[in-house]
Amino acid sequence: MQKGYNIISVLSSEIVPIMELLTSMKKHSVPEEVDLKDTVLNDDDIGDSCHEDFLHKAISSHLQTCGCSMVVGSNPEKVNKIVLTLCLFLTPAERKCSRLCHPDGSFKYDTGLFVQGLLKDSTGSFVLPYRQVLYSPYPTTHIDVDINTVKQMPPCHEHTYHQRRYMRAELSALWKAASEDDISSDNLINAQDSYTPDLNIFQDVMHKDTLVKSFIDEVFLLKPGLSLRSVYLSHFLLLLHRKALTLLRYIEDETQKGKKPFRSLRNLKTDLDLMVEGDLNIIMAMAEKLRAGLHSFVFGKSFLTSVQERDLLINF
């Protein structure tokens, strides 16, 4: 063991944030059952709490990124209302892994939560931790309730590619630091910060959908304050779940349960009525949570080929 190696200080830098996360979840986690009255879906009309297009983009992108979203803003009530609205589209178990923001703004972004509310500082800014976001199990949607913007990370197969690329670079930097100097917590932090890929990980929501758009248009036609909207929401979620199961079975049949590569994406879109790109993204994300690695199986090879071609052109 190298001189100066202090395992306690190294582990403390990892354990303390975990304990802080557990403490915050004990007090501020989202309940398993969310009351529709506490959400935007209880408004009398579309636009009472937020702009219609903003609500549509927020829910659509939230579903496209496997139900993982961060909601940032300056007003804790406004942030938490959107957090609870998005949690309506999660399972009870996933809601327990979501967190409301705290009025004192003490929470930082934590990897692994499904939905989390975060407050901006006194200057109106919010520092996004690149490494923690990239290490999240799923892509993430970034929602700013102050300026009504919605950004999203690339889909699962691209997210996994960038995540593994970052991990390899970080391990390489750590190995280099260990071979040159004594390992300390400061050296580990410096090694982690020494690699920052030139990646714009949050992008505009490019693909429109019809599934969420129709749901929002129709749910606000129902009278608020009754159980009608809750029932309609349940039917909508059941529809998404059934479409995801159908998509999985379709791919299993086309590939003999993974024995052959999948080559009929165009036929899948036509046969399952998923010609609109946003609709396909939503159902693929739902299916990904049911069968991890689905995106990489369907899109991985073509994505890697395009990356290799891009790198070849850059180095030409």
C-alpha atoms as a PDB file:
ATOM      1  CA  MET A   1       0.000   0.000   0.000  1.00  0.00           C
ATOM      2  CA  GLN A   2       1.365   3.385  -0.949  1.00  0.00           C
ATOM      3  CA  LYS A   3       2.464   5.835   1.681  1.00  0.00           C
ATOM      4  CA  GLY A   4      -0.128   8.465   2.500  1.00  0.00           C
ATOM      5  CA  TYR A   5      -3.091   6.345   1.409  1.00  0.00           C
ATOM      6  CA  ASN A   6      -6.011   7.118   3.741  1.00  0.00           C
ATOM      7  CA  ILE A   7      -8.977   4.870   3.075  1.00  0.00           C
ATOM      8  CA  ILE A   8     -11.116   6.667   5.678  1.00  0.00           C
ATOM      9  CA  SER A   9     -10.890  10.048   3.965  1.00  0.00           C
ATOM     10  CA  VAL A  10     -11.517   8.493   0.556  1.00  0.00           C
ATOM     11  CA  LEU A  11     -14.601   6.577   1.677  1.00  0.00           C
ATOM     12  CA  SER A  12     -15.923   9.526   3.687  1.00  0.00           C
ATOM     13  CA  SER A  13     -16.214  11.592   0.505  1.00  0.00           C
ATOM     14  CA  GLU A  14     -18.590   8.925  -0.851  1.00  0.00           C
ATOM     15  CA  ILE A  15     -20.428   7.852   2.316  1.00  0.00           C
ATOM     16  CA  VAL A  16     -21.404  11.318   3.583  1.00  0.00           C
ATOM     17  CA  PRO A  17     -23.467  12.203   0.461  1.00  0.00           C
ATOM     18  CA  ILE A  18     -25.221   8.818   0.692  1.00  0.00           C
ATOM     19  CA  MET A  19     -26.214   9.476   4.311  1.00  0.00           C
ATOM     20  CA  GLU A  20     -27.426  12.965   3.387  1.00  0.00           C
ATOM     21  CA  LEU A  21     -29.512  11.456   0.571  1.00  0.00           C
ATOM     22  CA  LEU A  22     -31.098   8.884   2.897  1.00  0.00           C
ATOM     23  CA  THR A  23     -31.911  11.590   5.442  1.00  0.00           C
ATOM     24  CA  SER A  24     -33.511  13.820   2.814  1.00  0.00           C
ATOM     25  CA  MET A  25     -35.562  10.925   1.425  1.00  0.00           C
ATOM     26  CA  LYS A  26     -36.869  10.058   4.879  1.00  0.00           C
ATOM     27  CA  LYS A  27     -38.345  13.534   5.261  1.00  0.00           C
ATOM     28  CA  HIS A  28     -39.106  14.717   1.731  1.00  0.00           C
ATOM     29  CA  SER A  29     -39.715  11.701  -0.499  1.00  0.00           C
ATOM     30  CA  VAL A  30     -42.848  11.689  -2.644  1.00  0.00           C
ATOM     31  CA  PRO A  31     -45.630   9.498  -1.175  1.00  0.00           C
ATOM     32  CA  GLU A  32     -46.610   6.284  -2.952  1.00  0.00           C
ATOM     33  CA  GLU A  33     -50.049   7.701  -3.713  1.00  0.00           C
ATOM     34  CA  VAL A  34     -50.142  11.205  -5.205  1.00  0.00           C
ATOM     35  CA  ASP A  35     -53.386  13.164  -4.868  1.00  0.00           C
ATOM     36  CA  LEU A  36     -54.431  14.602  -8.223  1.00  0.00           C
ATOM     37  CA  LYS A  37     -55.576  17.746  -6.381  1.00  0.00           C
ATOM     38  CA  ASP A  38     -51.931  18.624  -5.675  1.00  0.00           C
ATOM     39  CA  THR A  39     -50.984  18.550  -9.358  1.00  0.00           C
ATOM     40  CA  VAL A  40     -51.444  20.574 -12.522  1.00  0.00           C
ATOM     41  CA  LEU A  41     -53.987  18.017 -13.762  1.00  0.00           C
ATOM     42  CA  ASN A  42     -56.486  19.373 -11.219  1.00  0.00           C
ATOM     43  CA  ASP A  43     -56.568  22.846 -12.817  1.00  0.00           C
ATOM     44  CA  ASP A  44     -59.877  23.987 -14.288  1.00  0.00           C
ATOM     45  CA  ASP A  45     -58.326  24.645 -17.688  1.00  0.00           C
ATOM     46  CA  ILE A  46     -55.045  24.081 -19.485  1.00  0.00           C
ATOM     47  CA  GLY A  47     -52.750  27.002 -18.770  1.00  0.00           C
ATOM     48  CA  ASP A  48     -53.976  27.897 -15.282  1.00  0.00           C
ATOM     49  CA  SER A  49     -50.678  26.841 -13.678  1.00  0.00           C
ATOM     50  CA  CYS A  50     -48.386  26.650 -16.697  1.00  0.00           C
ATOM     51  CA  HIS A  51     -48.455  27.064 -20.460  1.00  0.00           C
ATOM     52  CA  GLU A  52     -50.065  24.214 -22.391  1.00  0.00           C
ATOM     53  CA  ASP A  53     -47.035  23.619 -24.625  1.00  0.00           C
ATOM     54  CA  PHE A  54     -44.729  23.583 -21.590  1.00  0.00           C
ATOM     55  CA  LEU A  55     -46.882  20.993 -19.799  1.00  0.00           C
ATOM     56  CA  HIS A  56     -47.032  18.842 -22.924  1.00  0.00           C
ATOM     57  CA  LYS A  57     -43.258  18.954 -23.437  1.00  0.00           C
ATOM     58  CA  ALA A  58     -42.540  18.291 -19.754  1.00  0.00           C
ATOM     59  CA  ILE A  59     -44.717  15.163 -19.551  1.00  0.00           C
ATOM     60  CA  SER A  60     -43.680  13.883 -22.979  1.00  0.00           C
ATOM     61  CA  SER A  61     -39.956  14.285 -22.311  1.00  0.00           C
ATOM     62  CA  HIS A  62     -40.398  12.829 -18.813  1.00  0.00           C
ATOM     63  CA  LEU A  63     -41.852   9.671 -20.358  1.00  0.00           C
ATOM     64  CA  GLN A  64     -39.212   9.602 -23.118  1.00  0.00           C
ATOM     65  CA  THR A  65     -36.435   9.583 -20.486  1.00  0.00           C
ATOM     66  CA  CYS A  66     -37.876   6.594 -18.598  1.00  0.00           C
ATOM     67  CA  GLY A  67     -39.605   8.733 -15.961  1.00  0.00           C
ATOM     68  CA  CYS A  68     -36.411  10.475 -14.794  1.00  0.00           C
ATOM     69  CA  SER A  69     -36.606  14.261 -14.445  1.00  0.00           C
ATOM     70  CA  MET A  70     -35.171  17.130 -12.449  1.00  0.00           C
ATOM     71  CA  VAL A  71     -37.384  20.163 -11.870  1.00  0.00           C
ATOM     72  CA  VAL A  72     -35.555  23.396 -11.038  1.00  0.00           C
ATOM     73  CA  GLY A  73     -36.893  26.817 -10.134  1.00  0.00           C
ATOM     74  CA  SER A  74     -37.016  29.615  -7.568  1.00  0.00           C
ATOM     75  CA  ASN A  75     -40.498  28.972  -6.146  1.00  0.00           C
ATOM     76  CA  PRO A  76     -40.682  25.743  -4.070  1.00  0.00           C
ATOM     77  CA  GLU A  77     -44.474  25.455  -4.400  1.00  0.00           C
ATOM     78  CA  LYS A  78     -44.311  25.725  -8.179  1.00  0.00           C
ATOM     79  CA  VAL A  79     -41.427  23.246  -8.368  1.00  0.00           C
ATOM     80  CA  ASN A  80     -43.174  20.702  -6.149  1.00  0.00           C
ATOM     81  CA  LYS A  81     -46.429  20.974  -8.089  1.00  0.00           C
ATOM     82  CA  ILE A  82     -44.620  19.937 -11.279  1.00  0.00           C
ATOM     83  CA  VAL A  83     -42.723  17.212  -9.382  1.00  0.00           C
ATOM     84  CA  LEU A  84     -46.004  15.720  -8.143  1.00  0.00           C
ATOM     85  CA  THR A  85     -47.544  16.040 -11.613  1.00  0.00           C
ATOM     86  CA  LEU A  86     -44.701  14.050 -13.180  1.00  0.00           C
ATOM     87  CA  CYS A  87     -44.896  11.470 -10.393  1.00  0.00           C
ATOM     88  CA  LEU A  88     -48.453  10.674 -11.486  1.00  0.00           C
ATOM     89  CA  PHE A  89     -46.837   8.880 -14.432  1.00  0.00           C
ATOM     90  CA  LEU A  90     -44.629   6.697 -12.209  1.00  0.00           C
ATOM     91  CA  THR A  91     -45.320   3.510 -10.282  1.00  0.00           C
ATOM     92  CA  PRO A  92     -45.726   3.707  -6.472  1.00  0.00           C
ATOM     93  CA  ALA A  93     -42.234   2.208  -6.044  1.00  0.00           C
ATOM     94  CA  GLU A  94     -40.722   4.822  -8.383  1.00  0.00           C
ATOM     95  CA  ARG A  95     -42.490   7.618  -6.500  1.00  0.00           C
ATOM     96  CA  LYS A  96     -40.798   6.476  -3.298  1.00  0.00           C
ATOM     97  CA  CYS A  97     -37.508   7.066  -5.148  1.00  0.00           C
ATOM     98  CA  SER A  98     -38.500  10.663  -5.942  1.00  0.00           C
ATOM     99  CA  ARG A  99     -38.000  13.769  -3.809  1.00  0.00           C
ATOM    100  CA  LEU A 100     -39.718  17.104  -3.297  1.00  0.00           C
ATOM    101  CA  CYS A 101     -37.625  20.238  -2.988  1.00  0.00           C
ATOM    102  CA  HIS A 102     -37.055  21.849   0.408  1.00  0.00           C
ATOM    103  CA  PRO A 103     -37.762  25.580   0.908  1.00  0.00           C
ATOM    104  CA  ASP A 104     -34.262  26.204   2.287  1.00  0.00           C
ATOM    105  CA  GLY A 105     -32.788  24.978  -1.014  1.00  0.00           C
ATOM    106  CA  SER A 106     -30.276  22.690   0.668  1.00  0.00           C
ATOM    107  CA  PHE A 107     -30.705  19.695  -1.664  1.00  0.00           C
ATOM    108  CA  LYS A 108     -28.259  18.949  -4.445  1.00  0.00           C
ATOM    109  CA  TYR A 109     -28.795  16.716  -7.456  1.00  0.00           C
ATOM    110  CA  ASP A 110     -28.592  13.031  -6.499  1.00  0.00           C
ATOM    111  CA  THR A 111     -27.948  10.205  -8.949  1.00  0.00           C
ATOM    112  CA  GLY A 112     -30.566   7.465  -9.081  1.00  0.00           C
ATOM    113  CA  LEU A 113     -33.733   9.361  -8.145  1.00  0.00           C
ATOM    114  CA  PHE A 114     -36.601   9.311 -10.617  1.00  0.00           C
ATOM    115  CA  VAL A 115     -37.955  12.837 -10.071  1.00  0.00           C
ATOM    116  CA  GLN A 116     -36.341  15.474  -7.877  1.00  0.00           C
ATOM    117  CA  GLY A 117     -37.148  19.106  -7.197  1.00  0.00           C
ATOM    118  CA  LEU A 118     -34.210  21.506  -6.895  1.00  0.00           C
ATOM    119  CA  LEU A 119     -34.151  25.202  -6.022  1.00  0.00           C
ATOM    120  CA  LYS A 120     -31.940  27.828  -7.625  1.00  0.00           C
ATOM    121  CA  ASP A 121     -29.596  29.878  -5.459  1.00  0.00           C
ATOM    122  CA  SER A 122     -30.048  33.534  -4.508  1.00  0.00           C
ATOM    123  CA  THR A 123     -28.574  34.636  -7.840  1.00  0.00           C
ATOM    124  CA  GLY A 124     -31.154  32.616  -9.774  1.00  0.00           C
ATOM    125  CA  SER A 125     -28.673  30.029 -11.026  1.00  0.00           C
ATOM    126  CA  PHE A 126     -28.299  26.294 -10.589  1.00  0.00           C
ATOM    127  CA  VAL A 127     -25.055  24.354 -10.979  1.00  0.00           C
ATOM    128  CA  LEU A 128     -25.623  21.016 -12.661  1.00  0.00           C
ATOM    129  CA  PRO A 129     -23.130  18.312 -11.615  1.00  0.00           C
ATOM    130  CA  TYR A 130     -22.047  16.780 -14.922  1.00  0.00           C
ATOM    131  CA  ARG A 131     -20.607  13.577 -13.465  1.00  0.00           C
ATOM    132  CA  GLN A 132     -23.627  12.716 -11.296  1.00  0.00           C
ATOM    133  CA  VAL A 133     -26.072  13.320 -14.144  1.00  0.00           C
ATOM    134  CA  LEU A 134     -24.054  11.172 -16.533  1.00  0.00           C
ATOM    135  CA  TYR A 135     -23.903   8.355 -13.960  1.00  0.00           C
ATOM    136  CA  SER A 136     -27.687   8.265 -13.631  1.00  0.00           C
ATOM    137  CA  PRO A 137     -29.121   4.844 -14.630  1.00  0.00           C
ATOM    138  CA  TYR A 138     -31.434   6.462 -17.184  1.00  0.00           C
ATOM    139  CA  PRO A 139     -31.342   9.648 -19.274  1.00  0.00           C
ATOM    140  CA  THR A 140     -32.802  12.690 -17.524  1.00  0.00           C
ATOM    141  CA  THR A 141     -35.189  15.498 -18.434  1.00  0.00           C
ATOM    142  CA  HIS A 142     -34.276  19.010 -17.219  1.00  0.00           C
ATOM    143  CA  ILE A 143     -37.305  21.233 -16.530  1.00  0.00           C
ATOM    144  CA  ASP A 144     -36.981  24.901 -15.541  1.00  0.00           C
ATOM    145  CA  VAL A 145     -40.290  26.232 -14.198  1.00  0.00           C
ATOM    146  CA  ASP A 146     -39.026  29.839 -14.086  1.00  0.00           C
ATOM    147  CA  ILE A 147     -38.485  30.162 -17.824  1.00  0.00           C
ATOM    148  CA  ASN A 148     -40.679  27.234 -18.964  1.00  0.00           C
ATOM    149  CA  THR A 149     -37.950  25.286 -20.740  1.00  0.00           C
ATOM    150  CA  VAL A 150     -37.653  21.529 -21.183  1.00  0.00           C
ATOM    151  CA  LYS A 151     -34.391  19.825 -22.168  1.00  0.00           C
ATOM    152  CA  GLN A 152     -33.613  16.128 -22.375  1.00  0.00           C
ATOM    153  CA  MET A 153     -30.610  13.845 -22.539  1.00  0.00           C
ATOM    154  CA  PRO A 154     -30.149  11.485 -25.520  1.00  0.00           C
ATOM    155  CA  PRO A 155     -31.979   8.114 -25.408  1.00  0.00           C
ATOM    156  CA  CYS A 156     -30.802   5.119 -23.395  1.00  0.00           C
ATOM    157  CA  HIS A 157     -28.343   3.594 -25.875  1.00  0.00           C
ATOM    158  CA  GLU A 158     -26.522   6.916 -26.367  1.00  0.00           C
ATOM    159  CA  HIS A 159     -26.641   7.636 -22.635  1.00  0.00           C
ATOM    160  CA  THR A 160     -25.048   4.251 -21.900  1.00  0.00           C
ATOM    161  CA  TYR A 161     -22.348   4.840 -24.527  1.00  0.00           C
ATOM    162  CA  HIS A 162     -21.373   8.254 -23.107  1.00  0.00           C
ATOM    163  CA  GLN A 163     -21.568   6.913 -19.552  1.00  0.00           C
ATOM    164  CA  ARG A 164     -19.166   4.038 -20.249  1.00  0.00           C
ATOM    165  CA  ARG A 165     -16.843   6.311 -22.205  1.00  0.00           C
ATOM    166  CA  TYR A 166     -16.690   8.673 -19.249  1.00  0.00           C
ATOM    167  CA  MET A 167     -16.107   5.783 -16.809  1.00  0.00           C
ATOM    168  CA  ARG A 168     -13.197   4.461 -18.869  1.00  0.00           C
ATOM    169  CA  ALA A 169     -11.609   7.902 -19.024  1.00  0.00           C
ATOM    170  CA  GLU A 170     -12.116   8.425 -15.301  1.00  0.00           C
ATOM    171  CA  LEU A 171     -10.563   5.051 -14.438  1.00  0.00           C
ATOM    172  CA  SER A 172      -7.637   5.863 -16.714  1.00  0.00           C
ATOM    173  CA  ALA A 173      -7.152   9.197 -14.957  1.00  0.00           C
ATOM    174  CA  LEU A 174      -7.342   7.529 -11.540  1.00  0.00           C
ATOM    175  CA  TRP A 175      -4.807   4.894 -12.589  1.00  0.00           C
ATOM    176  CA  LYS A 176      -2.450   7.586 -13.830  1.00  0.00           C
ATOM    177  CA  ALA A 177      -2.823   9.550 -10.587  1.00  0.00           C
ATOM    178  CA  ALA A 178      -2.161   6.400  -8.548  1.00  0.00           C
ATOM    179  CA  SER A 179       0.999   5.577 -10.481  1.00  0.00           C
ATOM    180  CA  GLU A 180       2.441   9.077 -10.226  1.00  0.00           C
ATOM    181  CA  ASP A 181       1.465  10.270  -6.752  1.00  0.00           C
ATOM    182  CA  ASP A 182       0.260   9.083  -3.385  1.00  0.00           C
ATOM    183  CA  ILE A 183      -3.487   8.424  -3.494  1.00  0.00           C
ATOM    184  CA  SER A 184      -5.535  10.844  -1.447  1.00  0.00           C
ATOM    185  CA  SER A 185      -9.098  12.095  -1.565  1.00  0.00           C
ATOM    186  CA  ASP A 186      -7.861  15.338  -3.167  1.00  0.00           C
ATOM    187  CA  ASN A 187      -6.038  13.405  -5.872  1.00  0.00           C
ATOM    188  CA  LEU A 188      -9.147  11.335  -6.561  1.00  0.00           C
ATOM    189  CA  ILE A 189     -11.243  14.468  -6.981  1.00  0.00           C
ATOM    190  CA  ASN A 190      -8.633  15.994  -9.293  1.00  0.00           C
ATOM    191  CA  ALA A 191      -8.544  12.809 -11.342  1.00  0.00           C
ATOM    192  CA  GLN A 192     -12.331  12.814 -11.678  1.00  0.00           C
ATOM    193  CA  ASP A 193     -12.311  16.439 -12.809  1.00  0.00           C
ATOM    194  CA  SER A 194      -9.458  15.967 -15.271  1.00  0.00           C
ATOM    195  CA  TYR A 195     -11.731  14.550 -17.956  1.00  0.00           C
ATOM    196  CA  THR A 196     -14.677  16.552 -19.224  1.00  0.00           C
ATOM    197  CA  PRO A 197     -15.968  15.374 -22.601  1.00  0.00           C
ATOM    198  CA  ASP A 198     -17.180  17.983 -25.040  1.00  0.00           C
ATOM    199  CA  LEU A 199     -20.772  16.802 -24.928  1.00  0.00           C
ATOM    200  CA  ASN A 200     -23.944  18.841 -24.875  1.00  0.00           C
ATOM    201  CA  ILE A 201     -25.816  16.323 -22.765  1.00  0.00           C
ATOM    202  CA  PHE A 202     -29.090  18.286 -22.617  1.00  0.00           C
ATOM    203  CA  GLN A 203     -30.858  19.002 -25.886  1.00  0.00           C
ATOM    204  CA  ASP A 204     -34.168  20.492 -26.976  1.00  0.00           C
ATOM    205  CA  VAL A 205     -37.112  18.101 -27.168  1.00  0.00           C
ATOM    206  CA  MET A 206     -36.942  17.468 -30.895  1.00  0.00           C
ATOM    207  CA  HIS A 207     -39.667  14.888 -31.461  1.00  0.00           C
ATOM    208  CA  LYS A 208     -43.371  15.639 -31.181  1.00  0.00           C
ATOM    209  CA  ASP A 209     -45.803  12.984 -29.999  1.00  0.00           C
ATOM    210  CA  THR A 210     -49.531  12.351 -30.272  1.00  0.00           C
ATOM    211  CA  LEU A 211     -49.993  10.169 -27.177  1.00  0.00           C
ATOM    212  CA  VAL A 212     -49.378  12.835 -24.522  1.00  0.00           C
ATOM    213  CA  LYS A 213     -50.873  15.609 -26.664  1.00  0.00           C
ATOM    214  CA  SER A 214     -54.175  13.733 -26.977  1.00  0.00           C
ATOM    215  CA  PHE A 215     -54.163  12.851 -23.279  1.00  0.00           C
ATOM    216  CA  ILE A 216     -53.718  16.482 -22.182  1.00  0.00           C
ATOM    217  CA  ASP A 217     -56.339  17.779 -24.614  1.00  0.00           C
ATOM    218  CA  GLU A 218     -58.886  15.204 -23.467  1.00  0.00           C
ATOM    219  CA  VAL A 219     -58.224  15.086 -19.712  1.00  0.00           C
ATOM    220  CA  PHE A 220     -58.961  18.813 -19.341  1.00  0.00           C
ATOM    221  CA  LEU A 221     -62.346  18.295 -20.991  1.00  0.00           C
ATOM    222  CA  LEU A 222     -63.370  16.329 -17.889  1.00  0.00           C
ATOM    223  CA  LYS A 223     -64.660  18.154 -14.818  1.00  0.00           C
ATOM    224  CA  PRO A 224     -62.001  18.773 -12.136  1.00  0.00           C
ATOM    225  CA  GLY A 225     -62.483  17.826  -8.506  1.00  0.00           C
ATOM    226  CA  LEU A 226     -64.033  14.454  -9.310  1.00  0.00           C
ATOM    227  CA  SER A 227     -62.491  11.021  -9.872  1.00  0.00           C
ATOM    228  CA  LEU A 228     -62.955  11.206 -13.650  1.00  0.00           C
ATOM    229  CA  ARG A 229     -59.492  12.565 -14.373  1.00  0.00           C
ATOM    230  CA  SER A 230     -57.821   9.989 -12.121  1.00  0.00           C
ATOM    231  CA  VAL A 231     -59.638   7.185 -13.927  1.00  0.00           C
ATOM    232  CA  TYR A 232     -58.690   8.638 -17.305  1.00  0.00           C
ATOM    233  CA  LEU A 233     -55.047   8.861 -16.214  1.00  0.00           C
ATOM    234  CA  SER A 234     -55.106   5.210 -15.124  1.00  0.00           C
ATOM    235  CA  HIS A 235     -56.447   4.169 -18.526  1.00  0.00           C
ATOM    236  CA  PHE A 236     -53.753   6.228 -20.273  1.00  0.00           C
ATOM    237  CA  LEU A 237     -50.957   4.591 -18.256  1.00  0.00           C
ATOM    238  CA  LEU A 238     -52.453   1.168 -18.931  1.00  0.00           C
ATOM    239  CA  LEU A 239     -52.472   1.974 -22.655  1.00  0.00           C
ATOM    240  CA  LEU A 240     -48.766   2.883 -22.559  1.00  0.00           C
ATOM    241  CA  HIS A 241     -47.944  -0.280 -20.620  1.00  0.00           C
ATOM    242  CA  ARG A 242     -49.810  -2.490 -23.088  1.00  0.00           C
ATOM    243  CA  LYS A 243     -48.109  -0.823 -26.044  1.00  0.00           C
ATOM    244  CA  ALA A 244     -44.724  -1.418 -24.396  1.00  0.00           C
ATOM    245  CA  LEU A 245     -45.510  -5.104 -23.829  1.00  0.00           C
ATOM    246  CA  THR A 246     -46.696  -5.433 -27.429  1.00  0.00           C
ATOM    247  CA  LEU A 247     -43.486  -3.815 -28.682  1.00  0.00           C
ATOM    248  CA  LEU A 248     -41.384  -6.246 -26.642  1.00  0.00           C
ATOM    249  CA  ARG A 249     -43.283  -9.243 -27.969  1.00  0.00           C
ATOM    250  CA  TYR A 250     -42.983  -7.910 -31.530  1.00  0.00           C
ATOM    251  CA  ILE A 251     -39.195  -7.607 -31.229  1.00  0.00           C
ATOM    252  CA  GLU A 252     -38.939 -11.043 -29.596  1.00  0.00           C
ATOM    253  CA  ASP A 253     -40.833 -12.621 -32.479  1.00  0.00           C
ATOM    254  CA  GLU A 254     -38.822 -10.764 -35.139  1.00  0.00           C
ATOM    255  CA  THR A 255     -35.470 -11.716 -33.586  1.00  0.00           C
ATOM    256  CA  GLN A 256     -36.327 -15.190 -32.248  1.00  0.00           C
ATOM    257  CA  LYS A 257     -35.912 -13.831 -28.709  1.00  0.00           C
ATOM    258  CA  GLY A 258     -32.637 -12.074 -29.450  1.00  0.00           C
ATOM    259  CA  LYS A 259     -30.965 -14.773 -31.520  1.00  0.00           C
ATOM    260  CA  LYS A 260     -31.057 -12.599 -34.649  1.00  0.00           C
ATOM    261  CA  PRO A 261     -30.425  -8.843 -35.037  1.00  0.00           C
ATOM    262  CA  PHE A 262     -33.453  -6.587 -35.304  1.00  0.00           C
ATOM    263  CA  ARG A 263     -33.762  -5.145 -38.807  1.00  0.00           C
ATOM    264  CA  SER A 264     -37.408  -4.155 -39.219  1.00  0.00           C
ATOM    265  CA  LEU A 265     -37.857  -0.851 -37.373  1.00  0.00           C
ATOM    266  CA  ARG A 266     -39.932   0.601 -40.205  1.00  0.00           C
ATOM    267  CA  ASN A 267     -42.318  -2.362 -40.086  1.00  0.00           C
ATOM    268  CA  LEU A 268     -42.556  -2.062 -36.301  1.00  0.00           C
ATOM    269  CA  LYS A 269     -43.550   1.606 -36.557  1.00  0.00           C
ATOM    270  CA  THR A 270     -46.234   0.796 -39.105  1.00  0.00           C
ATOM    271  CA  ASP A 271     -47.607  -2.347 -37.462  1.00  0.00           C
ATOM    272  CA  LEU A 272     -47.765  -0.845 -33.949  1.00  0.00           C
ATOM    273  CA  ASP A 273     -48.949   2.615 -35.067  1.00  0.00           C
ATOM    274  CA  LEU A 274     -45.791   4.339 -33.813  1.00  0.00           C
ATOM    275  CA  MET A 275     -44.901   6.325 -36.925  1.00  0.00           C
ATOM    276  CA  VAL A 276     -44.610   9.550 -34.904  1.00  0.00           C
ATOM    277  CA  GLU A 277     -41.082   9.640 -33.477  1.00  0.00           C
ATOM    278  CA  GLY A 278     -42.138  10.971 -30.077  1.00  0.00           C
ATOM    279  CA  ASP A 279     -44.659   8.153 -29.642  1.00  0.00           C
ATOM    280  CA  LEU A 280     -41.983   5.580 -30.484  1.00  0.00           C
ATOM    281  CA  ASN A 281     -39.586   7.157 -27.976  1.00  0.00           C
ATOM    282  CA  ILE A 282     -42.190   7.027 -25.198  1.00  0.00           C
ATOM    283  CA  ILE A 283     -43.076   3.377 -25.762  1.00  0.00           C
ATOM    284  CA  MET A 284     -39.417   2.387 -26.185  1.00  0.00           C
ATOM    285  CA  ALA A 285     -38.642   4.053 -22.840  1.00  0.00           C
ATOM    286  CA  MET A 286     -41.515   2.204 -21.167  1.00  0.00           C
ATOM    287  CA  ALA A 287     -40.261  -1.056 -22.673  1.00  0.00           C
ATOM    288  CA  GLU A 288     -36.673  -0.313 -21.594  1.00  0.00           C
ATOM    289  CA  LYS A 289     -37.758  -0.337 -17.957  1.00  0.00           C
ATOM    290  CA  LEU A 290     -39.391  -3.714 -18.523  1.00  0.00           C
ATOM    291  CA  ARG A 291     -36.413  -5.139 -20.440  1.00  0.00           C
ATOM    292  CA  ALA A 292     -33.096  -3.402 -19.729  1.00  0.00           C
ATOM    293  CA  GLY A 293     -30.824  -3.072 -22.757  1.00  0.00           C
ATOM    294  CA  LEU A 294     -33.627  -2.892 -25.327  1.00  0.00           C
ATOM    295  CA  HIS A 295     -32.402   0.402 -26.810  1.00  0.00           C
ATOM    296  CA  SER A 296     -28.877  -0.917 -27.246  1.00  0.00           C
ATOM    297  CA  PHE A 297     -30.202  -4.080 -28.894  1.00  0.00           C
ATOM    298  CA  VAL A 298     -32.386  -2.176 -31.371  1.00  0.00           C
ATOM    299  CA  PHE A 299     -30.313   0.960 -32.025  1.00  0.00           C
ATOM    300  CA  GLY A 300     -26.849   0.212 -30.627  1.00  0.00           C
ATOM    301  CA  LYS A 301     -25.123  -1.119 -33.744  1.00  0.00           C
ATOM    302  CA  SER A 302     -26.286   1.683 -36.049  1.00  0.00           C
ATOM    303  CA  PHE A 303     -25.384   4.284 -33.412  1.00  0.00           C
ATOM    304  CA  LEU A 304     -21.855   2.918 -32.948  1.00  0.00           C
ATOM    305  CA  THR A 305     -21.395   2.837 -36.717  1.00  0.00           C
ATOM    306  CA  SER A 306     -22.408   6.505 -36.996  1.00  0.00           C
ATOM    307  CA  VAL A 307     -20.039   7.420 -34.142  1.00  0.00           C
ATOM    308  CA  GLN A 308     -17.155   5.598 -35.828  1.00  0.00           C
ATOM    309  CA  GLU A 309     -17.912   7.327 -39.137  1.00  0.00           C
ATOM    310  CA  ARG A 310     -18.029  10.712 -37.386  1.00  0.00           C
ATOM    311  CA  ASP A 311     -14.700  10.087 -35.626  1.00  0.00           C
ATOM    312  CA  LEU A 312     -13.165   8.972 -38.925  1.00  0.00           C
ATOM    313  CA  LEU A 313     -14.278  12.172 -40.655  1.00  0.00           C
ATOM    314  CA  ILE A 314     -12.989  14.317 -37.776  1.00  0.00           C
ATOM    315  CA  ASN A 315      -9.572  12.641 -37.890  1.00  0.00           C
ATOM    316  CA  PHE A 316      -9.365  12.610 -41.684  1.00  0.00           C
END
